[in-house]
Amino acid sequence: AMYLAGSREEYAFIHDGTSAFAIDSRNPRTRAISQLQSRALMPTGVSPVQYASNWGILNVDNLLAIYGVHVDENDINRLKDKGANIVVCPVSTAKLSMGIAPIMAYRRAGLTVALGTDSAAASDGIDTFEEMKFGMLSQRALANSLKGNPDLLVAKDMIEMFTIEAAKALGIDDELGSLDEGKRADIIAI
């Protein structure tokens, strides 16, 4: 599992060598330590997904790419080609002002997309129902800003992302994630 393409700052640091993560050699307060910053890491001109791919980091089985907010079509295709699974955390990415992950674009590309809660430190709690509700509403708001007639997530999609899709992303869908004979399951009624 790795956090990937979460914040604008991460993107700016990897792509341009800028953002709060960079050590500015022009700044008198940071000039002395600027030489400690590896030139191999600065700036690459590529996205965080491309950068991770260039280093072979995406070449693992069952990769869980967490967040995946700042991606483009090439990044999505690369993640698909590498067999990555996406874990989106709508509440924490909103709280941390990261943005909104393109869930529908991931799903259209055929990626497994699971819904996560991140941690209580990043989202003030781990309420799965709040995550589903907020995730669906934020995707609808995002879809409304797109041209054409976009697909909309519905409650069934969100429940699947928290159950069977999450189990697929973890590689345990043969044991969990749906109410099927032979699987371990808890049943709730809503």
C-alpha atoms as a PDB file:
ATOM      1  CA  ALA A   1       0.000   0.000   0.000  1.00  0.00           C
ATOM      2  CA  MET A   2       1.188   3.495  -0.733  1.00  0.00           C
ATOM      3  CA  TYR A   3      -0.246   6.974  -0.602  1.00  0.00           C
ATOM      4  CA  LEU A   4      -0.054   8.278  -4.157  1.00  0.00           C
ATOM      5  CA  ALA A   5      -1.103  11.456  -5.977  1.00  0.00           C
ATOM      6  CA  GLY A   6      -2.892  12.856  -2.958  1.00  0.00           C
ATOM      7  CA  SER A   7      -2.127  16.536  -2.682  1.00  0.00           C
ATOM      8  CA  ARG A   8      -1.367  19.413  -5.008  1.00  0.00           C
ATOM      9  CA  GLU A   9       1.839  19.913  -3.024  1.00  0.00           C
ATOM     10  CA  GLU A  10       2.983  16.353  -3.765  1.00  0.00           C
ATOM     11  CA  TYR A  11       2.282  16.897  -7.460  1.00  0.00           C
ATOM     12  CA  ALA A  12       4.105  20.256  -7.525  1.00  0.00           C
ATOM     13  CA  PHE A  13       7.110  18.855  -5.657  1.00  0.00           C
ATOM     14  CA  ILE A  14       7.554  15.874  -7.963  1.00  0.00           C
ATOM     15  CA  HIS A  15       6.646  17.593 -11.229  1.00  0.00           C
ATOM     16  CA  ASP A  16       8.170  21.040 -10.739  1.00  0.00           C
ATOM     17  CA  GLY A  17      10.390  20.807  -7.647  1.00  0.00           C
ATOM     18  CA  THR A  18       8.220  23.390  -5.935  1.00  0.00           C
ATOM     19  CA  SER A  19       5.827  23.383  -2.950  1.00  0.00           C
ATOM     20  CA  ALA A  20       6.306  23.373   0.788  1.00  0.00           C
ATOM     21  CA  PHE A  21       8.163  20.054   0.466  1.00  0.00           C
ATOM     22  CA  ALA A  22      11.030  21.608  -1.505  1.00  0.00           C
ATOM     23  CA  ILE A  23      14.063  23.203   0.105  1.00  0.00           C
ATOM     24  CA  ASP A  24      14.664  26.548  -1.585  1.00  0.00           C
ATOM     25  CA  SER A  25      18.391  27.224  -2.074  1.00  0.00           C
ATOM     26  CA  ARG A  26      17.573  30.877  -2.754  1.00  0.00           C
ATOM     27  CA  ASN A  27      16.080  31.357   0.697  1.00  0.00           C
ATOM     28  CA  PRO A  28      18.772  32.457   3.212  1.00  0.00           C
ATOM     29  CA  ARG A  29      17.066  30.456   5.992  1.00  0.00           C
ATOM     30  CA  THR A  30      17.211  27.160   4.043  1.00  0.00           C
ATOM     31  CA  ARG A  31      20.272  27.700   1.830  1.00  0.00           C
ATOM     32  CA  ALA A  32      22.597  25.820   4.218  1.00  0.00           C
ATOM     33  CA  ILE A  33      20.521  22.638   4.123  1.00  0.00           C
ATOM     34  CA  SER A  34      19.504  22.849   0.462  1.00  0.00           C
ATOM     35  CA  GLN A  35      22.516  20.742  -0.512  1.00  0.00           C
ATOM     36  CA  LEU A  36      21.028  17.844   1.494  1.00  0.00           C
ATOM     37  CA  GLN A  37      18.129  17.632  -0.936  1.00  0.00           C
ATOM     38  CA  SER A  38      18.874  14.926  -3.474  1.00  0.00           C
ATOM     39  CA  ARG A  39      19.102  16.218  -7.035  1.00  0.00           C
ATOM     40  CA  ALA A  40      17.917  12.795  -8.197  1.00  0.00           C
ATOM     41  CA  LEU A  41      14.515  13.677  -6.781  1.00  0.00           C
ATOM     42  CA  MET A  42      14.227  17.193  -8.181  1.00  0.00           C
ATOM     43  CA  PRO A  43      12.152  18.219 -10.487  1.00  0.00           C
ATOM     44  CA  THR A  44      11.086  15.401 -12.728  1.00  0.00           C
ATOM     45  CA  GLY A  45       8.527  16.954 -15.050  1.00  0.00           C
ATOM     46  CA  VAL A  46       6.265  13.940 -14.548  1.00  0.00           C
ATOM     47  CA  SER A  47       3.269  13.155 -12.346  1.00  0.00           C
ATOM     48  CA  PRO A  48       3.607  11.252  -9.054  1.00  0.00           C
ATOM     49  CA  VAL A  49       2.137   8.138 -10.737  1.00  0.00           C
ATOM     50  CA  GLN A  50       4.642   8.331 -13.600  1.00  0.00           C
ATOM     51  CA  TYR A  51       7.456   8.987 -11.127  1.00  0.00           C
ATOM     52  CA  ALA A  52       6.567   5.925  -9.036  1.00  0.00           C
ATOM     53  CA  SER A  53       6.314   3.882 -12.217  1.00  0.00           C
ATOM     54  CA  ASN A  54       9.715   5.076 -13.473  1.00  0.00           C
ATOM     55  CA  TRP A  55      11.309   3.782 -10.251  1.00  0.00           C
ATOM     56  CA  GLY A  56       9.494   0.420 -10.516  1.00  0.00           C
ATOM     57  CA  ILE A  57       7.453   1.104  -7.393  1.00  0.00           C
ATOM     58  CA  LEU A  58       4.207   0.149  -9.151  1.00  0.00           C
ATOM     59  CA  ASN A  59       5.615  -3.242 -10.164  1.00  0.00           C
ATOM     60  CA  VAL A  60       4.210  -5.161  -7.190  1.00  0.00           C
ATOM     61  CA  ASP A  61       1.335  -7.579  -6.842  1.00  0.00           C
ATOM     62  CA  ASN A  62      -1.879  -6.236  -5.330  1.00  0.00           C
ATOM     63  CA  LEU A  63      -0.766  -2.621  -5.084  1.00  0.00           C
ATOM     64  CA  LEU A  64      -3.145  -0.456  -3.070  1.00  0.00           C
ATOM     65  CA  ALA A  65      -2.786   3.123  -4.299  1.00  0.00           C
ATOM     66  CA  ILE A  66      -4.391   5.276  -1.617  1.00  0.00           C
ATOM     67  CA  TYR A  67      -5.934   8.694  -2.429  1.00  0.00           C
ATOM     68  CA  GLY A  68      -5.260   8.984  -6.205  1.00  0.00           C
ATOM     69  CA  VAL A  69      -6.683  12.488  -6.352  1.00  0.00           C
ATOM     70  CA  HIS A  70      -4.300  14.284  -8.722  1.00  0.00           C
ATOM     71  CA  VAL A  71      -4.176  12.012 -11.750  1.00  0.00           C
ATOM     72  CA  ASP A  72      -4.806  12.384 -15.451  1.00  0.00           C
ATOM     73  CA  GLU A  73      -5.919   9.879 -18.077  1.00  0.00           C
ATOM     74  CA  ASN A  74      -2.344   8.668 -18.651  1.00  0.00           C
ATOM     75  CA  ASP A  75      -1.930   8.041 -14.910  1.00  0.00           C
ATOM     76  CA  ILE A  76      -5.187   6.112 -14.760  1.00  0.00           C
ATOM     77  CA  ASN A  77      -4.145   3.975 -17.729  1.00  0.00           C
ATOM     78  CA  ARG A  78      -0.727   3.341 -16.168  1.00  0.00           C
ATOM     79  CA  LEU A  79      -2.337   2.258 -12.887  1.00  0.00           C
ATOM     80  CA  LYS A  80      -4.657  -0.041 -14.843  1.00  0.00           C
ATOM     81  CA  ASP A  81      -1.713  -1.517 -16.793  1.00  0.00           C
ATOM     82  CA  LYS A  82       0.143  -2.165 -13.531  1.00  0.00           C
ATOM     83  CA  GLY A  83      -2.883  -3.911 -11.987  1.00  0.00           C
ATOM     84  CA  ALA A  84      -3.182  -1.388  -9.181  1.00  0.00           C
ATOM     85  CA  ASN A  85      -6.184  -1.166  -6.900  1.00  0.00           C
ATOM     86  CA  ILE A  86      -7.383   2.278  -5.840  1.00  0.00           C
ATOM     87  CA  VAL A  87      -8.495   3.204  -2.332  1.00  0.00           C
ATOM     88  CA  VAL A  88     -10.238   6.565  -2.179  1.00  0.00           C
ATOM     89  CA  CYS A  89     -10.849   8.379   1.105  1.00  0.00           C
ATOM     90  CA  PRO A  90     -13.299  11.206   0.300  1.00  0.00           C
ATOM     91  CA  VAL A  91     -13.744  12.618   3.801  1.00  0.00           C
ATOM     92  CA  SER A  92     -10.049  12.927   4.629  1.00  0.00           C
ATOM     93  CA  THR A  93      -9.056  14.245   1.197  1.00  0.00           C
ATOM     94  CA  ALA A  94     -11.749  16.917   1.546  1.00  0.00           C
ATOM     95  CA  LYS A  95     -10.786  17.745   5.131  1.00  0.00           C
ATOM     96  CA  LEU A  96      -7.116  18.019   4.156  1.00  0.00           C
ATOM     97  CA  SER A  97      -8.062  20.154   1.105  1.00  0.00           C
ATOM     98  CA  MET A  98      -6.524  17.642  -1.299  1.00  0.00           C
ATOM     99  CA  GLY A  99      -9.405  17.515  -3.757  1.00  0.00           C
ATOM    100  CA  ILE A 100     -11.749  14.853  -5.106  1.00  0.00           C
ATOM    101  CA  ALA A 101     -10.555  11.550  -6.557  1.00  0.00           C
ATOM    102  CA  PRO A 102     -12.007  10.757 -10.010  1.00  0.00           C
ATOM    103  CA  ILE A 103     -13.858   7.611  -8.956  1.00  0.00           C
ATOM    104  CA  MET A 104     -15.959   7.363 -12.123  1.00  0.00           C
ATOM    105  CA  ALA A 105     -12.878   7.685 -14.355  1.00  0.00           C
ATOM    106  CA  TYR A 106     -11.214   4.870 -12.403  1.00  0.00           C
ATOM    107  CA  ARG A 107     -14.310   2.703 -12.692  1.00  0.00           C
ATOM    108  CA  ARG A 108     -14.714   3.401 -16.423  1.00  0.00           C
ATOM    109  CA  ALA A 109     -11.084   2.311 -16.883  1.00  0.00           C
ATOM    110  CA  GLY A 110     -11.888  -1.002 -15.166  1.00  0.00           C
ATOM    111  CA  LEU A 111      -9.867  -0.419 -11.998  1.00  0.00           C
ATOM    112  CA  THR A 112     -10.992  -1.860  -8.698  1.00  0.00           C
ATOM    113  CA  VAL A 113     -11.953   1.100  -6.509  1.00  0.00           C
ATOM    114  CA  ALA A 114     -12.400   0.611  -2.786  1.00  0.00           C
ATOM    115  CA  LEU A 115     -13.682   3.186  -0.349  1.00  0.00           C
ATOM    116  CA  GLY A 116     -11.549   3.785   2.724  1.00  0.00           C
ATOM    117  CA  THR A 117     -11.856   5.926   5.818  1.00  0.00           C
ATOM    118  CA  ASP A 118      -8.153   6.800   6.113  1.00  0.00           C
ATOM    119  CA  SER A 119      -7.464   7.331   9.817  1.00  0.00           C
ATOM    120  CA  ALA A 120      -9.270   9.137  12.589  1.00  0.00           C
ATOM    121  CA  ALA A 121      -6.400  11.634  12.629  1.00  0.00           C
ATOM    122  CA  ALA A 122      -7.112  12.606   9.010  1.00  0.00           C
ATOM    123  CA  SER A 123     -10.910  12.624   9.072  1.00  0.00           C
ATOM    124  CA  ASP A 124     -12.112  13.021  12.696  1.00  0.00           C
ATOM    125  CA  GLY A 125     -13.537   9.518  12.667  1.00  0.00           C
ATOM    126  CA  ILE A 126     -13.987   6.338  10.716  1.00  0.00           C
ATOM    127  CA  ASP A 127     -17.731   6.338  10.104  1.00  0.00           C
ATOM    128  CA  THR A 128     -18.211   4.169   7.027  1.00  0.00           C
ATOM    129  CA  PHE A 129     -21.728   5.440   6.389  1.00  0.00           C
ATOM    130  CA  GLU A 130     -20.563   9.057   6.457  1.00  0.00           C
ATOM    131  CA  GLU A 131     -17.754   8.113   4.062  1.00  0.00           C
ATOM    132  CA  MET A 132     -20.231   6.530   1.637  1.00  0.00           C
ATOM    133  CA  LYS A 133     -22.627   9.469   1.815  1.00  0.00           C
ATOM    134  CA  PHE A 134     -19.951  12.125   1.431  1.00  0.00           C
ATOM    135  CA  GLY A 135     -18.178  10.134  -1.279  1.00  0.00           C
ATOM    136  CA  MET A 136     -21.323   9.814  -3.341  1.00  0.00           C
ATOM    137  CA  LEU A 137     -22.303  13.465  -2.933  1.00  0.00           C
ATOM    138  CA  SER A 138     -18.828  14.771  -3.759  1.00  0.00           C
ATOM    139  CA  GLN A 139     -18.722  12.612  -6.907  1.00  0.00           C
ATOM    140  CA  ARG A 140     -22.101  13.969  -7.957  1.00  0.00           C
ATOM    141  CA  ALA A 141     -20.832  17.522  -7.457  1.00  0.00           C
ATOM    142  CA  LEU A 142     -17.750  16.697  -9.535  1.00  0.00           C
ATOM    143  CA  ALA A 143     -19.861  15.073 -12.265  1.00  0.00           C
ATOM    144  CA  ASN A 144     -22.082  18.145 -12.440  1.00  0.00           C
ATOM    145  CA  SER A 145     -19.052  20.244 -13.374  1.00  0.00           C
ATOM    146  CA  LEU A 146     -18.242  18.002 -16.364  1.00  0.00           C
ATOM    147  CA  LYS A 147     -19.668  18.444 -19.839  1.00  0.00           C
ATOM    148  CA  GLY A 148     -22.056  15.936 -21.320  1.00  0.00           C
ATOM    149  CA  ASN A 149     -24.186  13.452 -19.461  1.00  0.00           C
ATOM    150  CA  PRO A 150     -21.892  11.971 -16.818  1.00  0.00           C
ATOM    151  CA  ASP A 151     -22.502   8.720 -15.007  1.00  0.00           C
ATOM    152  CA  LEU A 152     -23.540   9.207 -11.407  1.00  0.00           C
ATOM    153  CA  LEU A 153     -22.622   7.054  -8.458  1.00  0.00           C
ATOM    154  CA  VAL A 154     -25.569   5.636  -6.552  1.00  0.00           C
ATOM    155  CA  ALA A 155     -25.821   4.147  -3.060  1.00  0.00           C
ATOM    156  CA  LYS A 156     -25.357   0.612  -4.447  1.00  0.00           C
ATOM    157  CA  ASP A 157     -21.996   1.651  -5.952  1.00  0.00           C
ATOM    158  CA  MET A 158     -20.781   3.023  -2.635  1.00  0.00           C
ATOM    159  CA  ILE A 159     -21.822  -0.100  -0.721  1.00  0.00           C
ATOM    160  CA  GLU A 160     -20.017  -2.265  -3.287  1.00  0.00           C
ATOM    161  CA  MET A 161     -16.902  -0.114  -2.944  1.00  0.00           C
ATOM    162  CA  PHE A 162     -16.953  -0.722   0.810  1.00  0.00           C
ATOM    163  CA  THR A 163     -17.656  -4.449   0.550  1.00  0.00           C
ATOM    164  CA  ILE A 164     -16.830  -6.576  -2.489  1.00  0.00           C
ATOM    165  CA  GLU A 165     -14.570  -3.999  -4.175  1.00  0.00           C
ATOM    166  CA  ALA A 166     -12.602  -3.530  -0.945  1.00  0.00           C
ATOM    167  CA  ALA A 167     -12.265  -7.309  -0.616  1.00  0.00           C
ATOM    168  CA  LYS A 168     -11.051  -7.507  -4.253  1.00  0.00           C
ATOM    169  CA  ALA A 169      -8.528  -4.733  -3.623  1.00  0.00           C
ATOM    170  CA  LEU A 170      -7.174  -6.702  -0.662  1.00  0.00           C
ATOM    171  CA  GLY A 171      -7.174  -9.965  -2.614  1.00  0.00           C
ATOM    172  CA  ILE A 172      -9.610 -11.672  -0.225  1.00  0.00           C
ATOM    173  CA  ASP A 173     -12.825 -11.553  -2.258  1.00  0.00           C
ATOM    174  CA  ASP A 174     -12.940 -15.359  -2.234  1.00  0.00           C
ATOM    175  CA  GLU A 175     -13.502 -15.155   1.554  1.00  0.00           C
ATOM    176  CA  LEU A 176     -15.225 -11.816   2.196  1.00  0.00           C
ATOM    177  CA  GLY A 177     -17.097  -8.959   0.614  1.00  0.00           C
ATOM    178  CA  SER A 178     -20.405 -10.531  -0.396  1.00  0.00           C
ATOM    179  CA  LEU A 179     -23.099 -12.787   0.963  1.00  0.00           C
ATOM    180  CA  ASP A 180     -22.241 -15.987  -0.855  1.00  0.00           C
ATOM    181  CA  GLU A 181     -22.208 -19.601   0.265  1.00  0.00           C
ATOM    182  CA  GLY A 182     -18.896 -20.524   1.838  1.00  0.00           C
ATOM    183  CA  LYS A 183     -17.821 -16.963   2.605  1.00  0.00           C
ATOM    184  CA  ARG A 184     -17.437 -15.458   6.046  1.00  0.00           C
ATOM    185  CA  ALA A 185     -19.989 -12.691   6.504  1.00  0.00           C
ATOM    186  CA  ASP A 186     -21.719 -10.395   8.930  1.00  0.00           C
ATOM    187  CA  ILE A 187     -25.189  -9.295   7.981  1.00  0.00           C
ATOM    188  CA  ILE A 188     -26.696  -5.914   8.770  1.00  0.00           C
ATOM    189  CA  ALA A 189     -30.032  -4.405   7.833  1.00  0.00           C
ATOM    190  CA  ILE A 190     -30.274  -0.746   7.037  1.00  0.00           C
END
